[in-house]
Amino acid sequence: MTNTTEEDSKAPSASNSKGNIGSELGDAFRKATRPIVTVIFAAVIAQVVVERINAPDWFLALAGTVILWWFGERTVRHLAKKDGE
């Protein structure tokens, strides 16, 4: 069993330390690129459907996976947060 002292509570958290600046940059990059990539894939799929373009199966599988992953992760996170309340 450990005792928490005042010094421990004043220590900077891991997210504020200089050692995690790469992690913070990675999170910011991921937060910016995921929606952009999802919108691009969705727009291309919409164009494929509207213009009846014969898109490669690998592209449709990749785009579907990316879109499902993005919205699936958000849904799971939302449900977990809702269950925690």
Protein backbone atom coordinates (compact mmCIF):
# COMPACT_ATOMS: atom_id res chain seq x y z
CA MET A 1 0.00 0.00 0.00
CA THR A 2 1.45 3.37 -0.98
CA ASN A 3 0.89 6.71 0.64
CA THR A 4 0.27 9.75 -1.51
CA THR A 5 2.12 12.83 -0.35
CA GLU A 6 1.65 16.46 -1.27
CA GLU A 7 4.76 16.26 -3.43
CA ASP A 8 3.23 13.43 -5.47
CA SER A 9 0.08 15.41 -6.14
CA LYS A 10 2.11 18.43 -7.29
CA ALA A 11 4.17 16.41 -9.76
CA PRO A 12 3.29 17.08 -13.40
CA SER A 13 1.09 14.47 -14.99
CA ALA A 14 2.48 12.26 -17.73
CA SER A 15 0.55 14.16 -20.41
CA ASN A 16 2.14 17.47 -19.33
CA SER A 17 5.72 16.29 -19.17
CA LYS A 18 8.20 17.05 -21.93
CA GLY A 19 8.82 13.36 -22.52
CA ASN A 20 5.35 12.84 -24.00
CA ILE A 21 5.42 15.64 -26.55
CA GLY A 22 5.73 13.04 -29.31
CA SER A 23 2.66 11.27 -27.99
CA GLU A 24 0.73 14.54 -27.90
CA LEU A 25 1.76 15.32 -31.46
CA GLY A 26 0.73 11.83 -32.53
CA ASP A 27 -2.67 12.23 -30.90
CA ALA A 28 -3.19 15.62 -32.56
CA PHE A 29 -2.18 14.21 -35.94
CA ARG A 30 -4.54 11.25 -35.52
CA LYS A 31 -7.41 13.49 -34.42
CA ALA A 32 -6.92 15.66 -37.51
CA THR A 33 -6.38 12.95 -40.12
CA ARG A 34 -9.01 10.39 -39.19
CA PRO A 35 -12.03 12.56 -40.03
CA ILE A 36 -10.36 13.87 -43.17
CA VAL A 37 -9.58 10.37 -44.46
CA THR A 38 -13.09 9.20 -43.59
CA VAL A 39 -14.69 12.10 -45.51
CA ILE A 40 -12.45 11.44 -48.53
CA PHE A 41 -13.35 7.74 -48.59
CA ALA A 42 -17.05 8.52 -48.14
CA ALA A 43 -16.96 11.08 -50.97
CA VAL A 44 -15.21 8.66 -53.32
CA ILE A 45 -17.70 5.89 -52.50
CA ALA A 46 -20.58 8.32 -53.12
CA GLN A 47 -19.09 9.23 -56.50
CA VAL A 48 -18.63 5.54 -57.36
CA VAL A 49 -22.29 4.89 -56.57
CA VAL A 50 -23.70 7.99 -58.30
CA GLU A 51 -21.62 7.70 -61.47
CA ARG A 52 -21.67 3.89 -61.50
CA ILE A 53 -17.89 3.66 -61.66
CA ASN A 54 -16.42 0.18 -61.45
CA ALA A 55 -14.14 0.67 -58.43
CA PRO A 56 -11.60 -2.00 -57.44
CA ASP A 57 -12.82 -4.37 -54.74
CA TRP A 58 -9.72 -3.73 -52.63
CA PHE A 59 -10.54 -0.01 -52.52
CA LEU A 60 -14.13 -0.55 -51.46
CA ALA A 61 -13.01 -3.00 -48.77
CA LEU A 62 -10.39 -0.56 -47.48
CA ALA A 63 -12.80 2.38 -47.49
CA GLY A 64 -15.51 0.36 -45.75
CA THR A 65 -13.06 -0.81 -43.10
CA VAL A 66 -11.83 2.72 -42.41
CA ILE A 67 -15.35 4.15 -42.14
CA LEU A 68 -16.63 1.32 -39.95
CA TRP A 69 -13.55 1.51 -37.73
CA TRP A 70 -13.94 5.25 -37.20
CA PHE A 71 -17.65 5.24 -36.44
CA GLY A 72 -17.50 1.91 -34.61
CA GLU A 73 -14.82 3.16 -32.26
CA ARG A 74 -16.80 6.33 -31.56
CA THR A 75 -19.94 4.28 -30.88
CA VAL A 76 -18.16 1.90 -28.51
CA ARG A 77 -16.54 4.82 -26.68
CA HIS A 78 -19.92 6.56 -26.40
CA LEU A 79 -21.64 3.43 -25.08
CA ALA A 80 -18.86 2.82 -22.56
CA LYS A 81 -19.11 6.41 -21.36
CA LYS A 82 -22.90 6.10 -21.10
CA ASP A 83 -22.63 2.87 -19.09
CA GLY A 84 -20.14 4.55 -16.74
CA GLU A 85 -22.59 7.32 -15.81
